[in-house]
Amino acid sequence: MKKYLSKLLLVAAILSIVAVGVGEASAYFTTYAEASGGTTINLGDKTKIEEKMDGKDKVVTIINDANSDQPVYVRVKAFGPEGIPLSYEGSDSSWVQDGDYWYYRDANGDKALEPGETTPEFRVHIEFPEETPDAEDFNVIVVYETTLSDWDGDIITSQS
């Protein structure tokens, strides 16, 4: 009887240790964390885009608000429906193509758009097909990106 009781206690001890450990392991593998919400990061620039249609052209200008803290570096790209060719044209030599993007440079060749300034017009010419699609099914999206810049004559560096 003593041997039977010893074996029973040993089995009970092992089962209790396993039961306690399984709970912790199970908790480890089943817990997760969720995060929600967001925050706006204000880096000091206040830019906006103005777009209008002029015949078959979408005309775009980028404005760096006079209350902005610094000049900004500007680039533009347009997206249209598949099979609708787009061509691009700046109103002067201020727009320079590099890869898929068009970059702004002012009349002096400087790359930054100063506070209170507006870029010259940038035109996206839309080659409409013979059968013009419905307005609801046709959209050309112009995306612009700006980044603050430290302006030092010839060099632009990203603001850290």
C-alpha atoms as a PDB file:
ATOM      1  CA  MET A   1       0.000   0.000   0.000  1.00  0.00           C
ATOM      2  CA  LYS A   2       2.870   2.322   0.800  1.00  0.00           C
ATOM      3  CA  LYS A   3       4.382   1.737  -2.678  1.00  0.00           C
ATOM      4  CA  TYR A   4       1.027   2.385  -4.307  1.00  0.00           C
ATOM      5  CA  LEU A   5       0.586   5.664  -2.344  1.00  0.00           C
ATOM      6  CA  SER A   6       4.142   6.801  -3.271  1.00  0.00           C
ATOM      7  CA  LYS A   7       3.529   6.148  -6.961  1.00  0.00           C
ATOM      8  CA  LEU A   8       0.182   7.932  -6.778  1.00  0.00           C
ATOM      9  CA  LEU A   9       1.761  10.990  -5.124  1.00  0.00           C
ATOM     10  CA  LEU A  10       4.562  11.005  -7.707  1.00  0.00           C
ATOM     11  CA  VAL A  11       2.083  10.880 -10.602  1.00  0.00           C
ATOM     12  CA  ALA A  12      -0.053  13.599  -8.975  1.00  0.00           C
ATOM     13  CA  ALA A  13       3.019  15.829  -8.506  1.00  0.00           C
ATOM     14  CA  ILE A  14       4.083  15.378 -12.141  1.00  0.00           C
ATOM     15  CA  LEU A  15       0.553  16.086 -13.392  1.00  0.00           C
ATOM     16  CA  SER A  16       0.287  19.257 -11.289  1.00  0.00           C
ATOM     17  CA  ILE A  17       3.651  20.518 -12.572  1.00  0.00           C
ATOM     18  CA  VAL A  18       2.618  19.801 -16.163  1.00  0.00           C
ATOM     19  CA  ALA A  19      -0.783  21.454 -15.635  1.00  0.00           C
ATOM     20  CA  VAL A  20       0.813  24.622 -14.258  1.00  0.00           C
ATOM     21  CA  GLY A  21       3.379  24.744 -17.083  1.00  0.00           C
ATOM     22  CA  VAL A  22       0.821  24.128 -19.832  1.00  0.00           C
ATOM     23  CA  GLY A  23      -1.236  27.093 -18.650  1.00  0.00           C
ATOM     24  CA  GLU A  24       1.726  29.453 -18.941  1.00  0.00           C
ATOM     25  CA  ALA A  25       2.782  28.031 -22.296  1.00  0.00           C
ATOM     26  CA  SER A  26      -0.767  28.261 -23.550  1.00  0.00           C
ATOM     27  CA  ALA A  27      -0.980  31.877 -22.410  1.00  0.00           C
ATOM     28  CA  TYR A  28       2.283  32.650 -24.190  1.00  0.00           C
ATOM     29  CA  PHE A  29       1.040  31.282 -27.496  1.00  0.00           C
ATOM     30  CA  THR A  30      -2.466  32.755 -27.335  1.00  0.00           C
ATOM     31  CA  THR A  31      -1.863  36.326 -26.200  1.00  0.00           C
ATOM     32  CA  TYR A  32      -1.476  39.206 -28.608  1.00  0.00           C
ATOM     33  CA  ALA A  33      -1.639  42.967 -28.466  1.00  0.00           C
ATOM     34  CA  GLU A  34      -3.610  45.373 -30.621  1.00  0.00           C
ATOM     35  CA  ALA A  35      -2.930  49.032 -31.133  1.00  0.00           C
ATOM     36  CA  SER A  36      -5.296  51.562 -32.574  1.00  0.00           C
ATOM     37  CA  GLY A  37      -5.388  55.279 -33.203  1.00  0.00           C
ATOM     38  CA  GLY A  38      -2.826  57.474 -34.806  1.00  0.00           C
ATOM     39  CA  THR A  39      -1.121  60.802 -34.609  1.00  0.00           C
ATOM     40  CA  THR A  40      -0.336  63.532 -37.090  1.00  0.00           C
ATOM     41  CA  ILE A  41       3.277  64.556 -37.424  1.00  0.00           C
ATOM     42  CA  ASN A  42       3.719  68.205 -38.337  1.00  0.00           C
ATOM     43  CA  LEU A  43       7.133  68.921 -39.785  1.00  0.00           C
ATOM     44  CA  GLY A  44       6.416  72.585 -40.398  1.00  0.00           C
ATOM     45  CA  ASP A  45       5.570  72.583 -44.090  1.00  0.00           C
ATOM     46  CA  LYS A  46       2.119  73.520 -45.344  1.00  0.00           C
ATOM     47  CA  THR A  47       1.723  72.665 -48.982  1.00  0.00           C
ATOM     48  CA  LYS A  48      -1.280  72.042 -51.157  1.00  0.00           C
ATOM     49  CA  ILE A  49      -2.030  71.090 -54.722  1.00  0.00           C
ATOM     50  CA  GLU A  50      -4.374  72.890 -57.092  1.00  0.00           C
ATOM     51  CA  GLU A  51      -5.740  70.926 -60.040  1.00  0.00           C
ATOM     52  CA  LYS A  52      -8.000  71.977 -62.894  1.00  0.00           C
ATOM     53  CA  MET A  53      -8.939  70.609 -66.274  1.00  0.00           C
ATOM     54  CA  ASP A  54      -8.086  72.564 -69.407  1.00  0.00           C
ATOM     55  CA  GLY A  55      -9.451  70.641 -72.378  1.00  0.00           C
ATOM     56  CA  LYS A  56      -7.558  67.343 -72.440  1.00  0.00           C
ATOM     57  CA  ASP A  57      -4.987  68.555 -69.917  1.00  0.00           C
ATOM     58  CA  LYS A  58      -4.980  68.302 -66.157  1.00  0.00           C
ATOM     59  CA  VAL A  59      -3.146  71.410 -64.949  1.00  0.00           C
ATOM     60  CA  VAL A  60      -1.374  71.175 -61.600  1.00  0.00           C
ATOM     61  CA  THR A  61       0.357  73.729 -59.382  1.00  0.00           C
ATOM     62  CA  ILE A  62       1.917  73.140 -55.956  1.00  0.00           C
ATOM     63  CA  ILE A  63       1.749  75.908 -53.350  1.00  0.00           C
ATOM     64  CA  ASN A  64       4.107  76.228 -50.384  1.00  0.00           C
ATOM     65  CA  ASP A  65       2.118  78.303 -47.871  1.00  0.00           C
ATOM     66  CA  ALA A  66       3.662  81.588 -46.744  1.00  0.00           C
ATOM     67  CA  ASN A  67       3.424  80.352 -43.127  1.00  0.00           C
ATOM     68  CA  SER A  68       5.637  77.329 -43.840  1.00  0.00           C
ATOM     69  CA  ASP A  69       8.842  77.118 -41.879  1.00  0.00           C
ATOM     70  CA  GLN A  70      11.168  76.093 -44.706  1.00  0.00           C
ATOM     71  CA  PRO A  71      11.540  75.553 -48.412  1.00  0.00           C
ATOM     72  CA  VAL A  72      10.377  72.186 -49.696  1.00  0.00           C
ATOM     73  CA  TYR A  73      11.585  69.768 -52.334  1.00  0.00           C
ATOM     74  CA  VAL A  74       8.702  68.830 -54.701  1.00  0.00           C
ATOM     75  CA  ARG A  75       8.070  65.902 -57.008  1.00  0.00           C
ATOM     76  CA  VAL A  76       4.969  64.919 -59.009  1.00  0.00           C
ATOM     77  CA  LYS A  77       3.674  61.748 -60.642  1.00  0.00           C
ATOM     78  CA  ALA A  78       0.403  61.022 -62.466  1.00  0.00           C
ATOM     79  CA  PHE A  79      -1.548  57.784 -62.746  1.00  0.00           C
ATOM     80  CA  GLY A  80      -4.252  57.064 -65.293  1.00  0.00           C
ATOM     81  CA  PRO A  81      -6.397  54.145 -66.390  1.00  0.00           C
ATOM     82  CA  GLU A  82      -4.670  51.237 -68.079  1.00  0.00           C
ATOM     83  CA  GLY A  83      -4.346  51.796 -71.816  1.00  0.00           C
ATOM     84  CA  ILE A  84      -4.766  55.604 -71.620  1.00  0.00           C
ATOM     85  CA  PRO A  85      -1.441  57.255 -72.484  1.00  0.00           C
ATOM     86  CA  LEU A  86      -0.389  60.299 -70.480  1.00  0.00           C
ATOM     87  CA  SER A  87       2.196  62.851 -71.574  1.00  0.00           C
ATOM     88  CA  TYR A  88       3.727  65.596 -69.470  1.00  0.00           C
ATOM     89  CA  GLU A  89       4.766  69.172 -70.009  1.00  0.00           C
ATOM     90  CA  GLY A  90       5.977  71.911 -67.704  1.00  0.00           C
ATOM     91  CA  SER A  91       5.117  75.493 -68.560  1.00  0.00           C
ATOM     92  CA  ASP A  92       8.847  76.216 -68.563  1.00  0.00           C
ATOM     93  CA  SER A  93      12.112  74.448 -67.728  1.00  0.00           C
ATOM     94  CA  SER A  94      11.214  74.292 -64.034  1.00  0.00           C
ATOM     95  CA  TRP A  95      10.013  70.696 -64.289  1.00  0.00           C
ATOM     96  CA  VAL A  96      12.705  68.053 -64.850  1.00  0.00           C
ATOM     97  CA  GLN A  97      11.940  64.368 -65.389  1.00  0.00           C
ATOM     98  CA  ASP A  98      13.963  61.780 -63.492  1.00  0.00           C
ATOM     99  CA  GLY A  99      12.626  58.238 -63.823  1.00  0.00           C
ATOM    100  CA  ASP A 100       8.864  58.141 -63.264  1.00  0.00           C
ATOM    101  CA  TYR A 101       8.770  61.452 -61.373  1.00  0.00           C
ATOM    102  CA  TRP A 102       8.927  65.099 -62.357  1.00  0.00           C
ATOM    103  CA  TYR A 103      10.946  67.348 -60.034  1.00  0.00           C
ATOM    104  CA  TYR A 104      10.528  71.087 -59.534  1.00  0.00           C
ATOM    105  CA  ARG A 105      13.415  73.531 -59.982  1.00  0.00           C
ATOM    106  CA  ASP A 106      13.007  77.300 -59.967  1.00  0.00           C
ATOM    107  CA  ALA A 107      14.266  79.653 -62.696  1.00  0.00           C
ATOM    108  CA  ASN A 108      17.750  79.762 -61.122  1.00  0.00           C
ATOM    109  CA  GLY A 109      18.018  75.975 -61.142  1.00  0.00           C
ATOM    110  CA  ASP A 110      17.519  75.772 -57.379  1.00  0.00           C
ATOM    111  CA  LYS A 111      15.510  72.782 -56.272  1.00  0.00           C
ATOM    112  CA  ALA A 112      13.542  74.155 -53.312  1.00  0.00           C
ATOM    113  CA  LEU A 113      10.117  75.815 -53.380  1.00  0.00           C
ATOM    114  CA  GLU A 114      10.324  78.726 -50.951  1.00  0.00           C
ATOM    115  CA  PRO A 115       7.530  79.602 -48.475  1.00  0.00           C
ATOM    116  CA  GLY A 116       4.863  81.678 -50.208  1.00  0.00           C
ATOM    117  CA  GLU A 117       5.838  80.465 -53.697  1.00  0.00           C
ATOM    118  CA  THR A 118       3.832  78.497 -56.234  1.00  0.00           C
ATOM    119  CA  THR A 119       5.277  76.220 -58.886  1.00  0.00           C
ATOM    120  CA  PRO A 120       4.651  77.006 -62.532  1.00  0.00           C
ATOM    121  CA  GLU A 121       1.929  74.918 -64.178  1.00  0.00           C
ATOM    122  CA  PHE A 122       2.591  71.260 -64.750  1.00  0.00           C
ATOM    123  CA  ARG A 123       0.362  69.735 -67.434  1.00  0.00           C
ATOM    124  CA  VAL A 124      -0.669  66.122 -67.717  1.00  0.00           C
ATOM    125  CA  HIS A 125      -2.002  65.609 -71.243  1.00  0.00           C
ATOM    126  CA  ILE A 126      -4.571  62.814 -71.481  1.00  0.00           C
ATOM    127  CA  GLU A 127      -4.779  60.915 -74.771  1.00  0.00           C
ATOM    128  CA  PHE A 128      -8.506  60.121 -74.844  1.00  0.00           C
ATOM    129  CA  PRO A 129      -9.477  57.096 -76.943  1.00  0.00           C
ATOM    130  CA  GLU A 130     -11.911  57.354 -79.854  1.00  0.00           C
ATOM    131  CA  GLU A 131     -14.699  56.190 -77.580  1.00  0.00           C
ATOM    132  CA  THR A 132     -14.405  58.523 -74.602  1.00  0.00           C
ATOM    133  CA  PRO A 133     -15.215  56.670 -71.373  1.00  0.00           C
ATOM    134  CA  ASP A 134     -17.888  57.858 -68.967  1.00  0.00           C
ATOM    135  CA  ALA A 135     -16.666  60.456 -66.494  1.00  0.00           C
ATOM    136  CA  GLU A 136     -17.399  58.063 -63.628  1.00  0.00           C
ATOM    137  CA  ASP A 137     -15.118  55.418 -65.129  1.00  0.00           C
ATOM    138  CA  PHE A 138     -12.236  57.747 -65.947  1.00  0.00           C
ATOM    139  CA  ASN A 139      -9.847  59.342 -63.483  1.00  0.00           C
ATOM    140  CA  VAL A 140      -6.297  60.674 -63.654  1.00  0.00           C
ATOM    141  CA  ILE A 141      -4.705  60.962 -60.232  1.00  0.00           C
ATOM    142  CA  VAL A 142      -1.812  63.334 -59.637  1.00  0.00           C
ATOM    143  CA  VAL A 143       0.289  62.611 -56.575  1.00  0.00           C
ATOM    144  CA  TYR A 144       2.742  65.140 -55.237  1.00  0.00           C
ATOM    145  CA  GLU A 145       5.302  64.692 -52.491  1.00  0.00           C
ATOM    146  CA  THR A 146       7.234  67.297 -50.586  1.00  0.00           C
ATOM    147  CA  THR A 147       9.996  67.080 -48.039  1.00  0.00           C
ATOM    148  CA  LEU A 148      11.522  69.801 -45.913  1.00  0.00           C
ATOM    149  CA  SER A 149      14.980  70.818 -46.998  1.00  0.00           C
ATOM    150  CA  ASP A 150      17.921  72.651 -45.600  1.00  0.00           C
ATOM    151  CA  TRP A 151      18.916  74.947 -48.405  1.00  0.00           C
ATOM    152  CA  ASP A 152      22.640  75.580 -48.691  1.00  0.00           C
ATOM    153  CA  GLY A 153      23.211  76.907 -52.186  1.00  0.00           C
ATOM    154  CA  ASP A 154      23.915  73.768 -54.200  1.00  0.00           C
ATOM    155  CA  ILE A 155      23.062  71.037 -51.728  1.00  0.00           C
ATOM    156  CA  ILE A 156      19.717  69.891 -50.354  1.00  0.00           C
ATOM    157  CA  THR A 157      19.713  67.591 -47.373  1.00  0.00           C
ATOM    158  CA  SER A 158      16.695  66.049 -45.699  1.00  0.00           C
ATOM    159  CA  GLN A 159      15.655  67.626 -42.441  1.00  0.00           C
ATOM    160  CA  SER A 160      16.583  65.363 -39.511  1.00  0.00           C
END
